[in-house]
Amino acid sequence: MSDSQVVLSLAKLCKEQGAKEVYIGERTPTVFKWYKKEEINFAKVICFDDPPHNLKTLPEAEVIKSAVPIPPIVEECDVFINVPGLRFHALTIISNGMKNIMGIMPKETTLLIHVSGLEDAIVDLNRFRKSDLVITTAINTLVGNFPVGGYGIESNTLIVGDNVVAVDSIAARVLKVDPYKIRHLTLAKKFSLGPIDLSEIELLGVPIESLEWREKIVEPTLEYEEFRDKINIIDPSKSCPSCKRAMASGIAGIFEEDPNADLKDITVVIGPVEDLNKYKLTKKLILFGNCTFPYKDQGLYVQGCPPRANMAKQAIKKFMEGK
């Protein structure tokens, strides 16, 4: 989550600099827990779950084809300041400014993003609502196997810029990740939303290499090769990296809880399969992701593109618990 003290200080500065109205907005009602309305006189606190919403068809969308509810203030505000928290994420490798825009989607409409194709949909949302300023509040940074697990490390860093793609590419490098390995960044570059190359970014402040807390970084579990002898995995296609990352995170989460977990009677299918029946299957069958839909009646079907990493873990646990 964003650091609340940074958000409050930012909102107060906006008001002091002459903003007519300042809003602090977040998708869930927990915003009222972080920012108590009765204690703030320089900004209005709003929850994007609450109406009103405008049903909008995103004009440049590549994958979000249906109309989606958008809070009017998101469209109407003169300046849109995006304040993400920095973290690893099993599905997108990192989560920062671009992914944070999912927070304008009210209630459970974020599920539509996962069904549509997560990383492409993130770009759709950023093409619709561009960030005028991005302030990454890496005060505590989430590392490790998030969102299935993971933990925070003290980092006390701000990354500030006027282009969300540039900021996210620097954030990736801070986390020791090549931004060219992050699909939503490379896709955003393709649509001219911003630069990724360091040669095109004016980088000020302290050098990335001087951030000593980076030595404590623990990367997420993005591959499941080490688990192949512990659970039956069928993945003939090479086209579903997000689904594979989600499943890897889910399996890792199981073994983090129980290193001796027995999953050998569970089969996981990932990606498109021409003829599933030619493979060696077990009775406990998980069909993970939209590409496995043709076989949904043969086992436990988990919808999404990709499904959430926690859904992978939950599906495995259902079979472990005999449900």
C-alpha atoms as a PDB file:
ATOM      1  CA  MET A   1       0.000   0.000   0.000  1.00  0.00           C
ATOM      2  CA  SER A   2       0.994   3.654  -0.344  1.00  0.00           C
ATOM      3  CA  ASP A   3       2.563   5.280   2.684  1.00  0.00           C
ATOM      4  CA  SER A   4      -0.216   7.272   4.366  1.00  0.00           C
ATOM      5  CA  GLN A   5       2.076   9.991   5.711  1.00  0.00           C
ATOM      6  CA  VAL A   6       3.433  10.688   2.233  1.00  0.00           C
ATOM      7  CA  VAL A   7      -0.106  10.849   0.840  1.00  0.00           C
ATOM      8  CA  LEU A   8      -1.267  13.247   3.555  1.00  0.00           C
ATOM      9  CA  SER A   9       1.770  15.490   3.135  1.00  0.00           C
ATOM     10  CA  LEU A  10       1.248  15.530  -0.631  1.00  0.00           C
ATOM     11  CA  ALA A  11      -2.442  16.410  -0.308  1.00  0.00           C
ATOM     12  CA  LYS A  12      -1.633  19.209   2.117  1.00  0.00           C
ATOM     13  CA  LEU A  13       1.037  20.610  -0.221  1.00  0.00           C
ATOM     14  CA  CYS A  14      -1.434  20.601  -3.116  1.00  0.00           C
ATOM     15  CA  LYS A  15      -3.899  22.606  -1.057  1.00  0.00           C
ATOM     16  CA  GLU A  16      -1.211  25.045   0.098  1.00  0.00           C
ATOM     17  CA  GLN A  17      -0.148  25.571  -3.524  1.00  0.00           C
ATOM     18  CA  GLY A  18      -3.630  26.725  -4.483  1.00  0.00           C
ATOM     19  CA  ALA A  19      -5.577  23.618  -5.514  1.00  0.00           C
ATOM     20  CA  LYS A  20      -9.281  24.436  -5.273  1.00  0.00           C
ATOM     21  CA  GLU A  21     -10.176  20.925  -4.152  1.00  0.00           C
ATOM     22  CA  VAL A  22      -7.993  17.968  -3.216  1.00  0.00           C
ATOM     23  CA  TYR A  23      -9.255  14.390  -3.109  1.00  0.00           C
ATOM     24  CA  ILE A  24      -7.640  11.315  -1.575  1.00  0.00           C
ATOM     25  CA  GLY A  25      -9.173   8.319  -3.333  1.00  0.00           C
ATOM     26  CA  GLU A  26      -8.789   4.565  -3.032  1.00  0.00           C
ATOM     27  CA  ARG A  27     -10.827   1.615  -4.237  1.00  0.00           C
ATOM     28  CA  THR A  28     -11.804  -0.041  -0.963  1.00  0.00           C
ATOM     29  CA  PRO A  29     -13.467   1.318   2.204  1.00  0.00           C
ATOM     30  CA  THR A  30     -10.184   0.807   4.076  1.00  0.00           C
ATOM     31  CA  VAL A  31      -9.308   4.295   2.783  1.00  0.00           C
ATOM     32  CA  PHE A  32     -11.430   5.639   5.655  1.00  0.00           C
ATOM     33  CA  LYS A  33      -9.309   3.676   8.116  1.00  0.00           C
ATOM     34  CA  TRP A  34      -6.049   5.072   6.766  1.00  0.00           C
ATOM     35  CA  TYR A  35      -7.359   8.634   6.326  1.00  0.00           C
ATOM     36  CA  LYS A  36      -9.992   9.643   8.875  1.00  0.00           C
ATOM     37  CA  LYS A  37     -12.279  12.233   7.294  1.00  0.00           C
ATOM     38  CA  GLU A  38     -12.921  14.064  10.554  1.00  0.00           C
ATOM     39  CA  GLU A  39      -9.179  14.642  11.054  1.00  0.00           C
ATOM     40  CA  ILE A  40      -8.441  16.050   7.582  1.00  0.00           C
ATOM     41  CA  ASN A  41      -9.511  19.569   6.622  1.00  0.00           C
ATOM     42  CA  PHE A  42      -7.378  20.023   3.495  1.00  0.00           C
ATOM     43  CA  ALA A  43      -8.723  17.133   1.399  1.00  0.00           C
ATOM     44  CA  LYS A  44     -11.836  15.064   0.813  1.00  0.00           C
ATOM     45  CA  VAL A  45     -11.479  11.325   1.363  1.00  0.00           C
ATOM     46  CA  ILE A  46     -13.424   9.153  -1.096  1.00  0.00           C
ATOM     47  CA  CYS A  47     -13.825   5.451  -1.780  1.00  0.00           C
ATOM     48  CA  PHE A  48     -14.075   4.477  -5.443  1.00  0.00           C
ATOM     49  CA  ASP A  49     -16.341   1.575  -4.468  1.00  0.00           C
ATOM     50  CA  ASP A  50     -19.035   4.127  -3.647  1.00  0.00           C
ATOM     51  CA  PRO A  51     -21.270   5.612  -6.366  1.00  0.00           C
ATOM     52  CA  PRO A  52     -21.590   7.516  -8.569  1.00  0.00           C
ATOM     53  CA  HIS A  53     -19.865   5.788 -11.484  1.00  0.00           C
ATOM     54  CA  ASN A  54     -19.945   6.465 -15.207  1.00  0.00           C
ATOM     55  CA  LEU A  55     -20.214   3.387 -17.405  1.00  0.00           C
ATOM     56  CA  LYS A  56     -17.452   3.955 -19.934  1.00  0.00           C
ATOM     57  CA  THR A  57     -16.175   2.195 -23.027  1.00  0.00           C
ATOM     58  CA  LEU A  58     -12.441   2.825 -23.069  1.00  0.00           C
ATOM     59  CA  PRO A  59     -11.779   4.332 -26.534  1.00  0.00           C
ATOM     60  CA  GLU A  60      -8.275   2.923 -27.150  1.00  0.00           C
ATOM     61  CA  ALA A  61      -8.678  -0.362 -25.296  1.00  0.00           C
ATOM     62  CA  GLU A  62      -7.131  -3.457 -26.823  1.00  0.00           C
ATOM     63  CA  VAL A  63      -8.608  -6.074 -24.448  1.00  0.00           C
ATOM     64  CA  ILE A  64     -11.159  -4.320 -22.173  1.00  0.00           C
ATOM     65  CA  LYS A  65     -13.979  -4.379 -24.709  1.00  0.00           C
ATOM     66  CA  SER A  66     -16.985  -4.086 -22.392  1.00  0.00           C
ATOM     67  CA  ALA A  67     -18.029  -0.843 -20.704  1.00  0.00           C
ATOM     68  CA  VAL A  68     -16.620  -0.447 -17.199  1.00  0.00           C
ATOM     69  CA  PRO A  69     -17.645   1.762 -14.256  1.00  0.00           C
ATOM     70  CA  ILE A  70     -15.319   4.730 -13.717  1.00  0.00           C
ATOM     71  CA  PRO A  71     -15.628   7.223 -10.821  1.00  0.00           C
ATOM     72  CA  PRO A  72     -16.367  10.679 -12.327  1.00  0.00           C
ATOM     73  CA  ILE A  73     -13.644  12.377 -10.255  1.00  0.00           C
ATOM     74  CA  VAL A  74     -11.025  10.221 -12.016  1.00  0.00           C
ATOM     75  CA  GLU A  75     -12.031  11.707 -15.366  1.00  0.00           C
ATOM     76  CA  GLU A  76     -12.791  15.229 -14.184  1.00  0.00           C
ATOM     77  CA  CYS A  77      -9.781  16.091 -12.035  1.00  0.00           C
ATOM     78  CA  ASP A  78      -7.301  18.555 -13.548  1.00  0.00           C
ATOM     79  CA  VAL A  79      -4.273  16.809 -12.043  1.00  0.00           C
ATOM     80  CA  PHE A  80      -4.121  13.073 -11.385  1.00  0.00           C
ATOM     81  CA  ILE A  81      -1.367  12.072  -8.948  1.00  0.00           C
ATOM     82  CA  ASN A  82      -0.600   8.357  -8.779  1.00  0.00           C
ATOM     83  CA  VAL A  83       0.906   7.250  -5.447  1.00  0.00           C
ATOM     84  CA  PRO A  84       1.752   3.528  -5.548  1.00  0.00           C
ATOM     85  CA  GLY A  85       3.649   1.388  -3.098  1.00  0.00           C
ATOM     86  CA  LEU A  86       6.561  -0.604  -4.518  1.00  0.00           C
ATOM     87  CA  ARG A  87       6.461  -4.395  -4.425  1.00  0.00           C
ATOM     88  CA  PHE A  88       7.143  -7.574  -6.279  1.00  0.00           C
ATOM     89  CA  HIS A  89       4.099  -9.330  -7.711  1.00  0.00           C
ATOM     90  CA  ALA A  90       3.893 -12.905  -8.945  1.00  0.00           C
ATOM     91  CA  LEU A  91       1.672 -12.043 -11.920  1.00  0.00           C
ATOM     92  CA  THR A  92       3.388  -8.912 -13.257  1.00  0.00           C
ATOM     93  CA  ILE A  93       6.846  -9.325 -11.645  1.00  0.00           C
ATOM     94  CA  ILE A  94       6.602  -5.860 -10.104  1.00  0.00           C
ATOM     95  CA  SER A  95       3.665  -3.696  -9.051  1.00  0.00           C
ATOM     96  CA  ASN A  96       4.031   0.067  -9.153  1.00  0.00           C
ATOM     97  CA  GLY A  97       2.433   3.016 -10.926  1.00  0.00           C
ATOM     98  CA  MET A  98       0.951   1.312 -13.979  1.00  0.00           C
ATOM     99  CA  LYS A  99      -0.627  -1.539 -12.039  1.00  0.00           C
ATOM    100  CA  ASN A 100      -1.788   0.873  -9.342  1.00  0.00           C
ATOM    101  CA  ILE A 101      -4.274   2.345 -11.844  1.00  0.00           C
ATOM    102  CA  MET A 102      -6.363  -0.779 -11.287  1.00  0.00           C
ATOM    103  CA  GLY A 103      -7.357   1.018  -8.085  1.00  0.00           C
ATOM    104  CA  ILE A 104      -9.766   3.265 -10.002  1.00  0.00           C
ATOM    105  CA  MET A 105     -11.923   0.205 -10.728  1.00  0.00           C
ATOM    106  CA  PRO A 106     -14.709  -0.075  -8.133  1.00  0.00           C
ATOM    107  CA  LYS A 107     -15.730  -3.160  -6.201  1.00  0.00           C
ATOM    108  CA  GLU A 108     -15.090  -6.507  -7.912  1.00  0.00           C
ATOM    109  CA  THR A 109     -14.712  -5.082 -11.414  1.00  0.00           C
ATOM    110  CA  THR A 110     -10.972  -5.701 -11.062  1.00  0.00           C
ATOM    111  CA  LEU A 111     -11.860  -9.336 -11.773  1.00  0.00           C
ATOM    112  CA  LEU A 112     -12.652  -8.175 -15.314  1.00  0.00           C
ATOM    113  CA  ILE A 113      -9.002  -7.146 -15.643  1.00  0.00           C
ATOM    114  CA  HIS A 114      -7.872 -10.669 -14.817  1.00  0.00           C
ATOM    115  CA  VAL A 115     -10.340 -12.231 -17.242  1.00  0.00           C
ATOM    116  CA  SER A 116      -9.444  -9.820 -20.071  1.00  0.00           C
ATOM    117  CA  GLY A 117      -5.695 -10.343 -19.854  1.00  0.00           C
ATOM    118  CA  LEU A 118      -4.049  -8.657 -16.887  1.00  0.00           C
ATOM    119  CA  GLU A 119      -1.000  -6.940 -18.345  1.00  0.00           C
ATOM    120  CA  ASP A 120      -2.702  -5.808 -21.568  1.00  0.00           C
ATOM    121  CA  ALA A 121      -5.641  -4.516 -19.511  1.00  0.00           C
ATOM    122  CA  ILE A 122      -3.270  -2.544 -17.271  1.00  0.00           C
ATOM    123  CA  VAL A 123      -2.043  -0.756 -20.392  1.00  0.00           C
ATOM    124  CA  ASP A 124      -5.640  -0.118 -21.503  1.00  0.00           C
ATOM    125  CA  LEU A 125      -6.357   1.632 -18.199  1.00  0.00           C
ATOM    126  CA  ASN A 126      -3.187   3.715 -18.409  1.00  0.00           C
ATOM    127  CA  ARG A 127      -4.024   4.820 -21.934  1.00  0.00           C
ATOM    128  CA  PHE A 128      -7.428   5.931 -20.629  1.00  0.00           C
ATOM    129  CA  ARG A 129      -6.254   7.781 -17.497  1.00  0.00           C
ATOM    130  CA  LYS A 130      -2.708   9.080 -17.723  1.00  0.00           C
ATOM    131  CA  SER A 131      -0.876   9.993 -14.523  1.00  0.00           C
ATOM    132  CA  ASP A 132       0.340  13.603 -14.346  1.00  0.00           C
ATOM    133  CA  LEU A 133       2.710  12.810 -11.496  1.00  0.00           C
ATOM    134  CA  VAL A 134       3.864   9.496 -10.015  1.00  0.00           C
ATOM    135  CA  ILE A 135       5.277   9.266  -6.495  1.00  0.00           C
ATOM    136  CA  THR A 136       6.366   5.760  -5.558  1.00  0.00           C
ATOM    137  CA  THR A 137       6.342   5.439  -1.779  1.00  0.00           C
ATOM    138  CA  ALA A 138       8.947   2.750  -1.233  1.00  0.00           C
ATOM    139  CA  ILE A 139       9.109   3.416   2.485  1.00  0.00           C
ATOM    140  CA  ASN A 140       8.589  -0.286   3.110  1.00  0.00           C
ATOM    141  CA  THR A 141       8.959  -2.482   0.051  1.00  0.00           C
ATOM    142  CA  LEU A 142       7.213  -5.839  -0.312  1.00  0.00           C
ATOM    143  CA  VAL A 143       9.614  -8.542  -1.450  1.00  0.00           C
ATOM    144  CA  GLY A 144       9.482 -12.315  -1.771  1.00  0.00           C
ATOM    145  CA  ASN A 145       6.559 -14.428  -2.912  1.00  0.00           C
ATOM    146  CA  PHE A 146       3.846 -11.748  -2.915  1.00  0.00           C
ATOM    147  CA  PRO A 147       0.803 -11.865  -2.981  1.00  0.00           C
ATOM    148  CA  VAL A 148       0.740 -15.476  -1.736  1.00  0.00           C
ATOM    149  CA  GLY A 149       3.386 -14.616   0.830  1.00  0.00           C
ATOM    150  CA  GLY A 150       6.132 -12.039   0.961  1.00  0.00           C
ATOM    151  CA  TYR A 151       7.179  -9.529   3.586  1.00  0.00           C
ATOM    152  CA  GLY A 152       8.196  -5.903   3.906  1.00  0.00           C
ATOM    153  CA  ILE A 153      11.703  -4.520   4.210  1.00  0.00           C
ATOM    154  CA  GLU A 154      12.537  -0.997   5.334  1.00  0.00           C
ATOM    155  CA  SER A 155      13.605   0.949   2.257  1.00  0.00           C
ATOM    156  CA  ASN A 156      12.850   4.667   2.906  1.00  0.00           C
ATOM    157  CA  THR A 157      12.935   5.616  -0.761  1.00  0.00           C
ATOM    158  CA  LEU A 158      10.798   7.803  -3.012  1.00  0.00           C
ATOM    159  CA  ILE A 159      10.792   7.515  -6.804  1.00  0.00           C
ATOM    160  CA  VAL A 160       9.173  10.555  -8.397  1.00  0.00           C
ATOM    161  CA  GLY A 161       8.529  11.374 -12.029  1.00  0.00           C
ATOM    162  CA  ASP A 162       6.060  12.818 -14.516  1.00  0.00           C
ATOM    163  CA  ASN A 163       5.788   9.689 -16.664  1.00  0.00           C
ATOM    164  CA  VAL A 164       4.457   6.419 -15.270  1.00  0.00           C
ATOM    165  CA  VAL A 165       6.381   4.174 -17.674  1.00  0.00           C
ATOM    166  CA  ALA A 166       9.678   5.896 -16.891  1.00  0.00           C
ATOM    167  CA  VAL A 167       9.040   5.695 -13.148  1.00  0.00           C
ATOM    168  CA  ASP A 168       8.091   2.024 -13.361  1.00  0.00           C
ATOM    169  CA  SER A 169      11.167   1.197 -15.418  1.00  0.00           C
ATOM    170  CA  ILE A 170      13.361   2.799 -12.743  1.00  0.00           C
ATOM    171  CA  ALA A 171      11.376   1.022 -10.016  1.00  0.00           C
ATOM    172  CA  ALA A 172      12.030  -2.277 -11.795  1.00  0.00           C
ATOM    173  CA  ARG A 173      15.756  -1.579 -11.883  1.00  0.00           C
ATOM    174  CA  VAL A 174      15.683  -0.693  -8.181  1.00  0.00           C
ATOM    175  CA  LEU A 175      14.253  -4.185  -7.593  1.00  0.00           C
ATOM    176  CA  LYS A 176      17.008  -5.657  -9.809  1.00  0.00           C
ATOM    177  CA  VAL A 177      14.534  -6.543 -12.580  1.00  0.00           C
ATOM    178  CA  ASP A 178      15.090  -5.903 -16.280  1.00  0.00           C
ATOM    179  CA  PRO A 179      12.105  -3.720 -17.316  1.00  0.00           C
ATOM    180  CA  TYR A 180      12.147  -5.389 -20.737  1.00  0.00           C
ATOM    181  CA  LYS A 181      11.005  -8.594 -19.014  1.00  0.00           C
ATOM    182  CA  ILE A 182       7.816  -6.874 -17.832  1.00  0.00           C
ATOM    183  CA  ARG A 183       5.117  -7.140 -20.482  1.00  0.00           C
ATOM    184  CA  HIS A 184       3.002  -4.150 -19.463  1.00  0.00           C
ATOM    185  CA  LEU A 185       6.087  -1.904 -19.642  1.00  0.00           C
ATOM    186  CA  THR A 186       7.169  -3.088 -23.079  1.00  0.00           C
ATOM    187  CA  LEU A 187       3.583  -2.842 -24.311  1.00  0.00           C
ATOM    188  CA  ALA A 188       3.289   0.689 -22.888  1.00  0.00           C
ATOM    189  CA  LYS A 189       6.478   1.644 -24.724  1.00  0.00           C
ATOM    190  CA  LYS A 190       5.000   0.230 -27.936  1.00  0.00           C
ATOM    191  CA  PHE A 191       1.996   2.544 -27.519  1.00  0.00           C
ATOM    192  CA  SER A 192       4.304   5.516 -26.830  1.00  0.00           C
ATOM    193  CA  LEU A 193       3.162   5.930 -23.246  1.00  0.00           C
ATOM    194  CA  GLY A 194       6.712   6.468 -22.072  1.00  0.00           C
ATOM    195  CA  PRO A 195      10.365   5.421 -22.205  1.00  0.00           C
ATOM    196  CA  ILE A 196      12.121   2.392 -20.752  1.00  0.00           C
ATOM    197  CA  ASP A 197      15.701   2.948 -21.913  1.00  0.00           C
ATOM    198  CA  LEU A 198      17.907   4.768 -19.411  1.00  0.00           C
ATOM    199  CA  SER A 199      19.241   6.873 -22.260  1.00  0.00           C
ATOM    200  CA  GLU A 200      15.761   8.394 -22.655  1.00  0.00           C
ATOM    201  CA  ILE A 201      15.162   9.061 -18.944  1.00  0.00           C
ATOM    202  CA  GLU A 202      16.627  11.988 -17.005  1.00  0.00           C
ATOM    203  CA  LEU A 203      17.590  10.315 -13.742  1.00  0.00           C
ATOM    204  CA  LEU A 204      18.308  12.639 -10.818  1.00  0.00           C
ATOM    205  CA  GLY A 205      18.844  12.051  -7.120  1.00  0.00           C
ATOM    206  CA  VAL A 206      20.992   9.306  -5.621  1.00  0.00           C
ATOM    207  CA  PRO A 207      22.326   6.498  -7.839  1.00  0.00           C
ATOM    208  CA  ILE A 208      20.302   3.292  -7.767  1.00  0.00           C
ATOM    209  CA  GLU A 209      23.408   1.341  -6.780  1.00  0.00           C
ATOM    210  CA  SER A 210      23.775   3.420  -3.606  1.00  0.00           C
ATOM    211  CA  LEU A 211      20.527   2.107  -2.097  1.00  0.00           C
ATOM    212  CA  GLU A 212      21.908  -0.283   0.519  1.00  0.00           C
ATOM    213  CA  TRP A 213      18.518  -1.846   1.290  1.00  0.00           C
ATOM    214  CA  ARG A 214      18.589  -3.513  -2.146  1.00  0.00           C
ATOM    215  CA  GLU A 215      20.968  -6.081  -0.649  1.00  0.00           C
ATOM    216  CA  LYS A 216      17.993  -7.458   1.317  1.00  0.00           C
ATOM    217  CA  ILE A 217      15.824  -8.011  -1.763  1.00  0.00           C
ATOM    218  CA  VAL A 218      14.344 -11.513  -2.070  1.00  0.00           C
ATOM    219  CA  GLU A 219      12.831 -12.145  -5.498  1.00  0.00           C
ATOM    220  CA  PRO A 220       9.402 -13.748  -6.010  1.00  0.00           C
ATOM    221  CA  THR A 221       8.956 -17.331  -7.176  1.00  0.00           C
ATOM    222  CA  LEU A 222       8.416 -16.991 -10.931  1.00  0.00           C
ATOM    223  CA  GLU A 223       9.325 -20.514 -12.106  1.00  0.00           C
ATOM    224  CA  TYR A 224       8.015 -23.934 -11.052  1.00  0.00           C
ATOM    225  CA  GLU A 225      10.732 -26.109 -12.568  1.00  0.00           C
ATOM    226  CA  GLU A 226      12.024 -27.026  -9.112  1.00  0.00           C
ATOM    227  CA  PHE A 227       8.568 -28.413  -8.241  1.00  0.00           C
ATOM    228  CA  ARG A 228       8.074 -30.698 -11.258  1.00  0.00           C
ATOM    229  CA  ASP A 229       9.000 -33.802  -9.275  1.00  0.00           C
ATOM    230  CA  LYS A 230       6.503 -32.854  -6.559  1.00  0.00           C
ATOM    231  CA  ILE A 231       3.371 -32.102  -8.608  1.00  0.00           C
ATOM    232  CA  ASN A 232       2.329 -33.207 -12.125  1.00  0.00           C
ATOM    233  CA  ILE A 233       2.484 -30.166 -14.432  1.00  0.00           C
ATOM    234  CA  ILE A 234       1.236 -30.198 -18.041  1.00  0.00           C
ATOM    235  CA  ASP A 235       2.239 -27.063 -19.964  1.00  0.00           C
ATOM    236  CA  PRO A 236       3.051 -27.810 -23.612  1.00  0.00           C
ATOM    237  CA  SER A 237       2.553 -24.170 -24.636  1.00  0.00           C
ATOM    238  CA  LYS A 238       5.197 -21.483 -24.139  1.00  0.00           C
ATOM    239  CA  SER A 239       2.714 -18.618 -24.470  1.00  0.00           C
ATOM    240  CA  CYS A 240       1.377 -18.208 -20.913  1.00  0.00           C
ATOM    241  CA  PRO A 241       4.131 -16.721 -18.723  1.00  0.00           C
ATOM    242  CA  SER A 242       1.668 -14.944 -16.419  1.00  0.00           C
ATOM    243  CA  CYS A 243      -0.301 -18.125 -15.701  1.00  0.00           C
ATOM    244  CA  LYS A 244       2.949 -19.986 -15.095  1.00  0.00           C
ATOM    245  CA  ARG A 245       4.134 -17.314 -12.681  1.00  0.00           C
ATOM    246  CA  ALA A 246       0.819 -17.416 -10.821  1.00  0.00           C
ATOM    247  CA  MET A 247       0.981 -21.200 -10.475  1.00  0.00           C
ATOM    248  CA  ALA A 248       4.649 -21.093  -9.440  1.00  0.00           C
ATOM    249  CA  SER A 249       3.785 -18.626  -6.703  1.00  0.00           C
ATOM    250  CA  GLY A 250       0.856 -20.749  -5.541  1.00  0.00           C
ATOM    251  CA  ILE A 251       2.902 -23.952  -5.394  1.00  0.00           C
ATOM    252  CA  ALA A 252       5.717 -22.154  -3.579  1.00  0.00           C
ATOM    253  CA  GLY A 253       3.154 -20.880  -1.076  1.00  0.00           C
ATOM    254  CA  ILE A 254       2.052 -24.444  -0.338  1.00  0.00           C
ATOM    255  CA  PHE A 255       5.616 -25.559   0.374  1.00  0.00           C
ATOM    256  CA  GLU A 256       6.333 -22.451   2.433  1.00  0.00           C
ATOM    257  CA  GLU A 257       3.540 -23.567   4.751  1.00  0.00           C
ATOM    258  CA  ASP A 258       4.411 -27.274   4.631  1.00  0.00           C
ATOM    259  CA  PRO A 259       7.803 -28.271   3.167  1.00  0.00           C
ATOM    260  CA  ASN A 260       6.682 -31.932   3.256  1.00  0.00           C
ATOM    261  CA  ALA A 261       3.392 -31.410   1.396  1.00  0.00           C
ATOM    262  CA  ASP A 262       2.482 -34.374  -0.854  1.00  0.00           C
ATOM    263  CA  LEU A 263       1.128 -33.099  -4.186  1.00  0.00           C
ATOM    264  CA  LYS A 264       2.096 -36.019  -6.429  1.00  0.00           C
ATOM    265  CA  ASP A 265      -1.534 -37.041  -6.968  1.00  0.00           C
ATOM    266  CA  ILE A 266      -2.424 -33.562  -8.301  1.00  0.00           C
ATOM    267  CA  THR A 267      -2.157 -32.588 -11.975  1.00  0.00           C
ATOM    268  CA  VAL A 268      -2.054 -28.948 -13.071  1.00  0.00           C
ATOM    269  CA  VAL A 269      -2.764 -27.979 -16.704  1.00  0.00           C
ATOM    270  CA  ILE A 270      -1.546 -24.565 -17.884  1.00  0.00           C
ATOM    271  CA  GLY A 271      -1.984 -22.996 -21.311  1.00  0.00           C
ATOM    272  CA  PRO A 272      -3.657 -24.304 -24.470  1.00  0.00           C
ATOM    273  CA  VAL A 273      -3.539 -28.075 -24.961  1.00  0.00           C
ATOM    274  CA  GLU A 274      -4.601 -29.708 -28.240  1.00  0.00           C
ATOM    275  CA  ASP A 275      -5.361 -33.152 -26.810  1.00  0.00           C
ATOM    276  CA  LEU A 276      -5.342 -33.303 -23.023  1.00  0.00           C
ATOM    277  CA  ASN A 277      -6.147 -37.019 -22.909  1.00  0.00           C
ATOM    278  CA  LYS A 278      -2.829 -38.019 -24.437  1.00  0.00           C
ATOM    279  CA  TYR A 279      -1.087 -36.900 -21.235  1.00  0.00           C
ATOM    280  CA  LYS A 280      -0.783 -38.824 -17.999  1.00  0.00           C
ATOM    281  CA  LEU A 281      -3.435 -37.378 -15.707  1.00  0.00           C
ATOM    282  CA  THR A 282      -4.336 -37.924 -12.071  1.00  0.00           C
ATOM    283  CA  LYS A 283      -7.877 -37.850 -10.682  1.00  0.00           C
ATOM    284  CA  LYS A 284      -7.160 -34.547  -8.970  1.00  0.00           C
ATOM    285  CA  LEU A 285      -7.015 -32.222 -11.982  1.00  0.00           C
ATOM    286  CA  ILE A 286      -6.637 -28.416 -11.912  1.00  0.00           C
ATOM    287  CA  LEU A 287      -7.311 -26.568 -15.181  1.00  0.00           C
ATOM    288  CA  PHE A 288      -5.607 -23.228 -14.651  1.00  0.00           C
ATOM    289  CA  GLY A 289      -6.424 -20.191 -16.783  1.00  0.00           C
ATOM    290  CA  ASN A 290      -8.768 -19.304 -19.615  1.00  0.00           C
ATOM    291  CA  CYS A 291      -6.821 -21.377 -22.156  1.00  0.00           C
ATOM    292  CA  THR A 292      -7.890 -24.584 -20.386  1.00  0.00           C
ATOM    293  CA  PHE A 293     -11.605 -23.765 -20.733  1.00  0.00           C
ATOM    294  CA  PRO A 294     -12.281 -26.516 -23.358  1.00  0.00           C
ATOM    295  CA  TYR A 295     -11.579 -29.113 -20.637  1.00  0.00           C
ATOM    296  CA  LYS A 296     -13.318 -27.315 -17.765  1.00  0.00           C
ATOM    297  CA  ASP A 297     -15.675 -30.222 -17.069  1.00  0.00           C
ATOM    298  CA  GLN A 298     -12.833 -32.671 -16.476  1.00  0.00           C
ATOM    299  CA  GLY A 299     -11.524 -31.097 -13.299  1.00  0.00           C
ATOM    300  CA  LEU A 300     -11.348 -27.982 -11.132  1.00  0.00           C
ATOM    301  CA  TYR A 301     -11.404 -25.052 -13.572  1.00  0.00           C
ATOM    302  CA  VAL A 302      -9.806 -21.785 -12.420  1.00  0.00           C
ATOM    303  CA  GLN A 303     -10.762 -18.830 -14.630  1.00  0.00           C
ATOM    304  CA  GLY A 304      -8.458 -15.915 -15.402  1.00  0.00           C
ATOM    305  CA  CYS A 305      -5.803 -14.564 -17.739  1.00  0.00           C
ATOM    306  CA  PRO A 306      -4.040 -15.126 -15.493  1.00  0.00           C
ATOM    307  CA  PRO A 307      -5.952 -16.234 -12.395  1.00  0.00           C
ATOM    308  CA  ARG A 308      -4.684 -14.751  -9.171  1.00  0.00           C
ATOM    309  CA  ALA A 309      -1.754 -16.498  -7.519  1.00  0.00           C
ATOM    310  CA  ASN A 310      -3.825 -17.066  -4.388  1.00  0.00           C
ATOM    311  CA  MET A 311      -6.357 -18.919  -6.558  1.00  0.00           C
ATOM    312  CA  ALA A 312      -3.620 -21.370  -7.548  1.00  0.00           C
ATOM    313  CA  LYS A 313      -2.791 -22.007  -3.918  1.00  0.00           C
ATOM    314  CA  GLN A 314      -6.476 -22.330  -2.963  1.00  0.00           C
ATOM    315  CA  ALA A 315      -7.157 -24.829  -5.768  1.00  0.00           C
ATOM    316  CA  ILE A 316      -4.277 -27.033  -4.627  1.00  0.00           C
ATOM    317  CA  LYS A 317      -5.388 -26.812  -0.992  1.00  0.00           C
ATOM    318  CA  LYS A 318      -8.912 -27.924  -1.923  1.00  0.00           C
ATOM    319  CA  PHE A 319      -7.522 -31.215  -3.195  1.00  0.00           C
ATOM    320  CA  MET A 320      -5.122 -31.505  -0.269  1.00  0.00           C
ATOM    321  CA  GLU A 321      -8.060 -31.131   2.104  1.00  0.00           C
ATOM    322  CA  GLY A 322     -10.169 -33.587   0.141  1.00  0.00           C
ATOM    323  CA  LYS A 323     -12.772 -31.045  -0.963  1.00  0.00           C
END
